[in-house]
PDB file of all heavy atoms in Angstrom:
ATOM      1  N   GLY A   1     106.900  85.233  98.732  1.00  0.00           N
ATOM      2  CA  GLY A   1     107.910  86.153  99.231  1.00  0.00           C
ATOM      3  C   GLY A   1     107.558  87.619  99.125  1.00  0.00           C
ATOM      4  O   GLY A   1     108.353  88.474  99.529  1.00  0.00           O
ATOM      5  N   GLY A   2     106.401  87.955  98.598  1.00  0.00           N
ATOM      6  CA  GLY A   2     106.041  89.373  98.515  1.00  0.00           C
ATOM      7  C   GLY A   2     105.134  89.685  97.349  1.00  0.00           C
ATOM      8  O   GLY A   2     104.302  88.869  96.943  1.00  0.00           O
ATOM      9  N   VAL A   3     105.289  90.892  96.797  1.00  0.00           N
ATOM     10  CA  VAL A   3     104.480  91.371  95.677  1.00  0.00           C
ATOM     11  C   VAL A   3     105.417  91.760  94.541  1.00  0.00           C
ATOM     12  O   VAL A   3     106.341  92.575  94.735  1.00  0.00           O
ATOM     13  CB  VAL A   3     103.623  92.587  96.086  1.00  0.00           C
ATOM     14  CG1 VAL A   3     102.858  93.130  94.886  1.00  0.00           C
ATOM     15  CG2 VAL A   3     102.651  92.203  97.197  1.00  0.00           C
ATOM     16  N   LEU A   4     105.219  91.177  93.370  1.00  0.00           N
ATOM     17  CA  LEU A   4     106.038  91.501  92.202  1.00  0.00           C
ATOM     18  C   LEU A   4     105.357  92.614  91.413  1.00  0.00           C
ATOM     19  O   LEU A   4     104.238  92.461  90.941  1.00  0.00           O
ATOM     20  CB  LEU A   4     106.226  90.274  91.308  1.00  0.00           C
ATOM     21  CG  LEU A   4     107.024  90.525  90.023  1.00  0.00           C
ATOM     22  CD1 LEU A   4     108.486  90.853  90.352  1.00  0.00           C
ATOM     23  CD2 LEU A   4     106.951  89.321  89.086  1.00  0.00           C
ATOM     24  N   VAL A   5     106.050  93.741  91.286  1.00  0.00           N
ATOM     25  CA  VAL A   5     105.553  94.858  90.479  1.00  0.00           C
ATOM     26  C   VAL A   5     106.315  94.843  89.157  1.00  0.00           C
ATOM     27  O   VAL A   5     107.527  95.088  89.129  1.00  0.00           O
ATOM     28  CB  VAL A   5     105.755  96.209  91.191  1.00  0.00           C
ATOM     29  CG1 VAL A   5     105.155  97.331  90.354  1.00  0.00           C
ATOM     30  CG2 VAL A   5     105.119  96.169  92.579  1.00  0.00           C
ATOM     31  N   PRO A   6     105.653  94.550  88.041  1.00  0.00           N
ATOM     32  CA  PRO A   6     106.360  94.488  86.749  1.00  0.00           C
ATOM     33  C   PRO A   6     106.884  95.863  86.339  1.00  0.00           C
ATOM     34  O   PRO A   6     106.310  96.896  86.681  1.00  0.00           O
ATOM     35  CB  PRO A   6     105.273  93.992  85.776  1.00  0.00           C
ATOM     36  CG  PRO A   6     104.183  93.444  86.630  1.00  0.00           C
ATOM     37  CD  PRO A   6     104.222  94.211  87.913  1.00  0.00           C
ATOM     38  N   TRP A   7     107.981  95.877  85.603  1.00  0.00           N
ATOM     39  CA  TRP A   7     108.473  97.125  85.033  1.00  0.00           C
ATOM     40  C   TRP A   7     107.428  97.712  84.076  1.00  0.00           C
ATOM     41  O   TRP A   7     106.800  96.969  83.331  1.00  0.00           O
ATOM     42  CB  TRP A   7     109.762  96.887  84.252  1.00  0.00           C
ATOM     43  CG  TRP A   7     110.937  96.459  85.066  1.00  0.00           C
ATOM     44  CD1 TRP A   7     111.470  95.201  85.139  1.00  0.00           C
ATOM     45  CD2 TRP A   7     111.749  97.293  85.899  1.00  0.00           C
ATOM     46  NE1 TRP A   7     112.559  95.193  85.972  1.00  0.00           N
ATOM     47  CE2 TRP A   7     112.761  96.463  86.464  1.00  0.00           C
ATOM     48  CE3 TRP A   7     111.727  98.641  86.238  1.00  0.00           C
ATOM     49  CZ2 TRP A   7     113.733  96.949  87.325  1.00  0.00           C
ATOM     50  CZ3 TRP A   7     112.693  99.132  87.100  1.00  0.00           C
ATOM     51  CH2 TRP A   7     113.684  98.307  87.637  1.00  0.00           C
ATOM     52  N   PRO A   8     107.228  99.010  84.064  1.00  0.00           N
ATOM     53  CA  PRO A   8     106.327  99.605  83.071  1.00  0.00           C
ATOM     54  C   PRO A   8     106.818  99.323  81.657  1.00  0.00           C
ATOM     55  O   PRO A   8     108.041  99.275  81.407  1.00  0.00           O
ATOM     56  CB  PRO A   8     106.401 101.108  83.385  1.00  0.00           C
ATOM     57  CG  PRO A   8     106.934 101.205  84.775  1.00  0.00           C
ATOM     58  CD  PRO A   8     107.817 100.013  84.964  1.00  0.00           C
ATOM     59  N   GLY A   9     105.883  99.152  80.757  1.00  0.00           N
ATOM     60  CA  GLY A   9     106.260  98.863  79.371  1.00  0.00           C
ATOM     61  C   GLY A   9     107.162  99.918  78.766  1.00  0.00           C
ATOM     62  O   GLY A   9     108.070  99.600  77.977  1.00  0.00           O
ATOM     63  N   VAL A  10     106.959 101.208  79.127  1.00  0.00           N
ATOM     64  CA  VAL A  10     107.777 102.269  78.528  1.00  0.00           C
ATOM     65  C   VAL A  10     109.226 102.207  79.002  1.00  0.00           C
ATOM     66  O   VAL A  10     110.127 102.740  78.340  1.00  0.00           O
ATOM     67  CB  VAL A  10     107.191 103.669  78.826  1.00  0.00           C
ATOM     68  CG1 VAL A  10     105.872 103.859  78.112  1.00  0.00           C
ATOM     69  CG2 VAL A  10     107.049 103.909  80.326  1.00  0.00           C
ATOM     70  N   LEU A  11     109.486 101.553  80.153  1.00  0.00           N
ATOM     71  CA  LEU A  11     110.855 101.429  80.651  1.00  0.00           C
ATOM     72  C   LEU A  11     111.591 100.229  80.064  1.00  0.00           C
ATOM     73  O   LEU A  11     112.825 100.251  79.944  1.00  0.00           O
ATOM     74  CB  LEU A  11     110.858 101.301  82.173  1.00  0.00           C
ATOM     75  CG  LEU A  11     110.765 102.570  83.018  1.00  0.00           C
ATOM     76  CD1 LEU A  11     110.838 102.222  84.501  1.00  0.00           C
ATOM     77  CD2 LEU A  11     111.875 103.550  82.664  1.00  0.00           C
ATOM     78  N   ARG A  12     110.858  99.187  79.712  1.00  0.00           N
ATOM     79  CA  ARG A  12     111.498  97.919  79.344  1.00  0.00           C
ATOM     80  C   ARG A  12     112.544  98.047  78.225  1.00  0.00           C
ATOM     81  O   ARG A  12     113.588  97.395  78.276  1.00  0.00           O
ATOM     82  CB  ARG A  12     110.443  96.881  78.978  1.00  0.00           C
ATOM     83  CG  ARG A  12     109.699  96.334  80.198  1.00  0.00           C
ATOM     84  CD  ARG A  12     108.799  95.162  79.860  1.00  0.00           C
ATOM     85  NE  ARG A  12     108.193  94.606  81.062  1.00  0.00           N
ATOM     86  CZ  ARG A  12     108.776  93.732  81.869  1.00  0.00           C
ATOM     87  NH1 ARG A  12     110.002  93.306  81.584  1.00  0.00           N
ATOM     88  NH2 ARG A  12     108.154  93.289  82.939  1.00  0.00           N
ATOM     89  N   PRO A  13     112.318  98.862  77.183  1.00  0.00           N
ATOM     90  CA  PRO A  13     113.345  98.947  76.135  1.00  0.00           C
ATOM     91  C   PRO A  13     114.687  99.478  76.630  1.00  0.00           C
ATOM     92  O   PRO A  13     115.707  99.292  75.964  1.00  0.00           O
ATOM     93  CB  PRO A  13     112.719  99.912  75.114  1.00  0.00           C
ATOM     94  CG  PRO A  13     111.242  99.803  75.340  1.00  0.00           C
ATOM     95  CD  PRO A  13     111.089  99.594  76.811  1.00  0.00           C
ATOM     96  N   TYR A  14     114.706 100.140  77.788  1.00  0.00           N
ATOM     97  CA  TYR A  14     115.946 100.711  78.318  1.00  0.00           C
ATOM     98  C   TYR A  14     116.658  99.784  79.297  1.00  0.00           C
ATOM     99  O   TYR A  14     117.793 100.078  79.702  1.00  0.00           O
ATOM    100  CB  TYR A  14     115.639 102.030  79.042  1.00  0.00           C
ATOM    101  CG  TYR A  14     115.044 103.098  78.164  1.00  0.00           C
ATOM    102  CD1 TYR A  14     113.671 103.158  77.944  1.00  0.00           C
ATOM    103  CD2 TYR A  14     115.844 104.049  77.549  1.00  0.00           C
ATOM    104  CE1 TYR A  14     113.112 104.135  77.143  1.00  0.00           C
ATOM    105  CE2 TYR A  14     115.302 105.034  76.740  1.00  0.00           C
ATOM    106  CZ  TYR A  14     113.938 105.076  76.540  1.00  0.00           C
ATOM    107  OH  TYR A  14     113.385 106.045  75.733  1.00  0.00           O
ATOM    108  N   LEU A  15     115.991  98.700  79.693  1.00  0.00           N
ATOM    109  CA  LEU A  15     116.498  97.882  80.799  1.00  0.00           C
ATOM    110  C   LEU A  15     117.386  96.754  80.303  1.00  0.00           C
ATOM    111  O   LEU A  15     117.105  95.570  80.463  1.00  0.00           O
ATOM    112  CB  LEU A  15     115.322  97.340  81.615  1.00  0.00           C
ATOM    113  CG  LEU A  15     114.399  98.406  82.208  1.00  0.00           C
ATOM    114  CD1 LEU A  15     113.260  97.766  82.980  1.00  0.00           C
ATOM    115  CD2 LEU A  15     115.179  99.363  83.098  1.00  0.00           C
ATOM    116  N   SER A  16     118.495  97.138  79.697  1.00  0.00           N
ATOM    117  CA  SER A  16     119.493  96.170  79.252  1.00  0.00           C
ATOM    118  C   SER A  16     120.870  96.749  79.539  1.00  0.00           C
ATOM    119  O   SER A  16     121.296  97.721  78.913  1.00  0.00           O
ATOM    120  CB  SER A  16     119.326  95.874  77.756  1.00  0.00           C
ATOM    121  OG  SER A  16     120.287  94.912  77.341  1.00  0.00           O
ATOM    122  N   GLY A  17     121.564  96.174  80.514  1.00  0.00           N
ATOM    123  CA  GLY A  17     122.874  96.673  80.906  1.00  0.00           C
ATOM    124  C   GLY A  17     123.100  96.478  82.389  1.00  0.00           C
ATOM    125  O   GLY A  17     122.322  95.823  83.079  1.00  0.00           O
ATOM    126  N   ARG A  18     124.161  97.078  82.865  1.00  0.00           N
ATOM    127  CA  ARG A  18     124.489  96.986  84.292  1.00  0.00           C
ATOM    128  C   ARG A  18     124.460  98.384  84.891  1.00  0.00           C
ATOM    129  O   ARG A  18     124.939  99.355  84.287  1.00  0.00           O
ATOM    130  CB  ARG A  18     125.866  96.357  84.514  1.00  0.00           C
ATOM    131  CG  ARG A  18     125.960  94.899  84.085  1.00  0.00           C
ATOM    132  CD  ARG A  18     127.170  94.237  84.712  1.00  0.00           C
ATOM    133  NE  ARG A  18     127.061  94.157  86.169  1.00  0.00           N
ATOM    134  CZ  ARG A  18     126.390  93.211  86.821  1.00  0.00           C
ATOM    135  NH1 ARG A  18     125.748  92.253  86.147  1.00  0.00           N
ATOM    136  NH2 ARG A  18     126.364  93.211  88.140  1.00  0.00           N
ATOM    137  N   GLY A  19     123.889  98.484  86.096  1.00  0.00           N
ATOM    138  CA  GLY A  19     123.827  99.766  86.764  1.00  0.00           C
ATOM    139  C   GLY A  19     123.333  99.608  88.188  1.00  0.00           C
ATOM    140  O   GLY A  19     122.898  98.529  88.607  1.00  0.00           O
ATOM    141  N   ARG A  20     123.378 100.713  88.924  1.00  0.00           N
ATOM    142  CA  ARG A  20     122.954 100.700  90.316  1.00  0.00           C
ATOM    143  C   ARG A  20     121.472 101.024  90.399  1.00  0.00           C
ATOM    144  O   ARG A  20     121.013 102.044  89.874  1.00  0.00           O
ATOM    145  CB  ARG A  20     123.759 101.727  91.109  1.00  0.00           C
ATOM    146  CG  ARG A  20     123.415 101.798  92.580  1.00  0.00           C
ATOM    147  CD  ARG A  20     124.253 102.872  93.252  1.00  0.00           C
ATOM    148  NE  ARG A  20     123.837 103.105  94.622  1.00  0.00           N
ATOM    149  CZ  ARG A  20     124.297 104.103  95.365  1.00  0.00           C
ATOM    150  NH1 ARG A  20     125.173 104.956  94.844  1.00  0.00           N
ATOM    151  NH2 ARG A  20     123.870 104.251  96.608  1.00  0.00           N
ATOM    152  N   VAL A  21     120.713 100.156  91.042  1.00  0.00           N
ATOM    153  CA  VAL A  21     119.272 100.353  91.248  1.00  0.00           C
ATOM    154  C   VAL A  21     119.043 100.582  92.743  1.00  0.00           C
ATOM    155  O   VAL A  21     119.557  99.834  93.584  1.00  0.00           O
ATOM    156  CB  VAL A  21     118.458  99.148  90.753  1.00  0.00           C
ATOM    157  CG1 VAL A  21     116.974  99.338  91.082  1.00  0.00           C
ATOM    158  CG2 VAL A  21     118.651  98.957  89.256  1.00  0.00           C
ATOM    159  N   ARG A  22     118.277 101.622  93.039  1.00  0.00           N
ATOM    160  CA  ARG A  22     117.993 101.969  94.431  1.00  0.00           C
ATOM    161  C   ARG A  22     116.485 102.096  94.594  1.00  0.00           C
ATOM    162  O   ARG A  22     115.827 102.780  93.800  1.00  0.00           O
ATOM    163  CB  ARG A  22     118.697 103.287  94.781  1.00  0.00           C
ATOM    164  CG  ARG A  22     118.460 103.815  96.196  1.00  0.00           C
ATOM    165  CD  ARG A  22     119.229 105.120  96.368  1.00  0.00           C
ATOM    166  NE  ARG A  22     118.863 105.834  97.580  1.00  0.00           N
ATOM    167  CZ  ARG A  22     119.469 105.705  98.745  1.00  0.00           C
ATOM    168  NH1 ARG A  22     120.495 104.864  98.863  1.00  0.00           N
ATOM    169  NH2 ARG A  22     119.083 106.416  99.793  1.00  0.00           N
ATOM    170  N   VAL A  23     115.938 101.434  95.614  1.00  0.00           N
ATOM    171  CA  VAL A  23     114.503 101.486  95.913  1.00  0.00           C
ATOM    172  C   VAL A  23     114.350 102.004  97.341  1.00  0.00           C
ATOM    173  O   VAL A  23     114.913 101.439  98.284  1.00  0.00           O
ATOM    174  CB  VAL A  23     113.841 100.106  95.777  1.00  0.00           C
ATOM    175  CG1 VAL A  23     112.338 100.209  96.036  1.00  0.00           C
ATOM    176  CG2 VAL A  23     114.092  99.518  94.387  1.00  0.00           C
ATOM    177  N   THR A  24     113.578 103.096  97.502  1.00  0.00           N
ATOM    178  CA  THR A  24     113.379 103.692  98.823  1.00  0.00           C
ATOM    179  C   THR A  24     111.897 103.992  99.025  1.00  0.00           C
ATOM    180  O   THR A  24     111.096 103.930  98.087  1.00  0.00           O
ATOM    181  CB  THR A  24     114.161 105.016  98.960  1.00  0.00           C
ATOM    182  OG1 THR A  24     113.558 106.005  98.110  1.00  0.00           O
ATOM    183  CG2 THR A  24     115.609 104.831  98.563  1.00  0.00           C
ATOM    184  N   ASP A  25     111.552 104.350 100.266  1.00  0.00           N
ATOM    185  CA  ASP A  25     110.199 104.856 100.484  1.00  0.00           C
ATOM    186  C   ASP A  25     110.124 106.282  99.939  1.00  0.00           C
ATOM    187  O   ASP A  25     111.110 106.840  99.456  1.00  0.00           O
ATOM    188  CB  ASP A  25     109.812 104.786 101.959  1.00  0.00           C
ATOM    189  CG  ASP A  25     110.599 105.757 102.826  1.00  0.00           C
ATOM    190  OD1 ASP A  25     111.568 106.383 102.336  1.00  0.00           O
ATOM    191  OD2 ASP A  25     110.256 105.894 104.015  1.00  0.00           O
ATOM    192  N   ALA A  26     108.934 106.899 100.012  1.00  0.00           N
ATOM    193  CA  ALA A  26     108.727 108.205  99.385  1.00  0.00           C
ATOM    194  C   ALA A  26     109.584 109.296 100.008  1.00  0.00           C
ATOM    195  O   ALA A  26     109.900 110.290  99.353  1.00  0.00           O
ATOM    196  CB  ALA A  26     107.253 108.593  99.449  1.00  0.00           C
ATOM    197  N   THR A  27     109.988 109.126 101.266  1.00  0.00           N
ATOM    198  CA  THR A  27     110.814 110.139 101.924  1.00  0.00           C
ATOM    199  C   THR A  27     112.294 109.951 101.643  1.00  0.00           C
ATOM    200  O   THR A  27     113.101 110.864 101.866  1.00  0.00           O
ATOM    201  CB  THR A  27     110.604 110.100 103.450  1.00  0.00           C
ATOM    202  OG1 THR A  27     111.147 108.873 103.971  1.00  0.00           O
ATOM    203  CG2 THR A  27     109.128 110.205 103.795  1.00  0.00           C
ATOM    204  N   GLY A  28     112.668 108.771 101.158  1.00  0.00           N
ATOM    205  CA  GLY A  28     114.073 108.453 100.940  1.00  0.00           C
ATOM    206  C   GLY A  28     114.787 107.940 102.170  1.00  0.00           C
ATOM    207  O   GLY A  28     115.961 107.564 102.107  1.00  0.00           O
ATOM    208  N   ALA A  29     114.104 107.906 103.318  1.00  0.00           N
ATOM    209  CA  ALA A  29     114.744 107.503 104.573  1.00  0.00           C
ATOM    210  C   ALA A  29     114.917 105.992 104.666  1.00  0.00           C
ATOM    211  O   ALA A  29     115.920 105.505 105.206  1.00  0.00           O
ATOM    212  CB  ALA A  29     113.923 108.008 105.755  1.00  0.00           C
ATOM    213  N   GLU A  30     113.941 105.228 104.183  1.00  0.00           N
ATOM    214  CA  GLU A  30     114.000 103.764 104.248  1.00  0.00           C
ATOM    215  C   GLU A  30     114.493 103.220 102.911  1.00  0.00           C
ATOM    216  O   GLU A  30     113.867 103.430 101.878  1.00  0.00           O
ATOM    217  CB  GLU A  30     112.622 103.182 104.569  1.00  0.00           C
ATOM    218  CG  GLU A  30     112.615 101.666 104.674  1.00  0.00           C
ATOM    219  CD  GLU A  30     111.220 101.096 104.862  1.00  0.00           C
ATOM    220  OE1 GLU A  30     110.259 101.892 104.978  1.00  0.00           O
ATOM    221  OE2 GLU A  30     111.085  99.855 104.889  1.00  0.00           O
TER     222      GLU A  30
END
């Protein structure tokens, strides 16, 4: 189904909870 990019290790300790995640291209348009 695609390419899995793992979370960076420095982010993982913060990734517990609920929140809005947004993924865009570099311009923010897509």
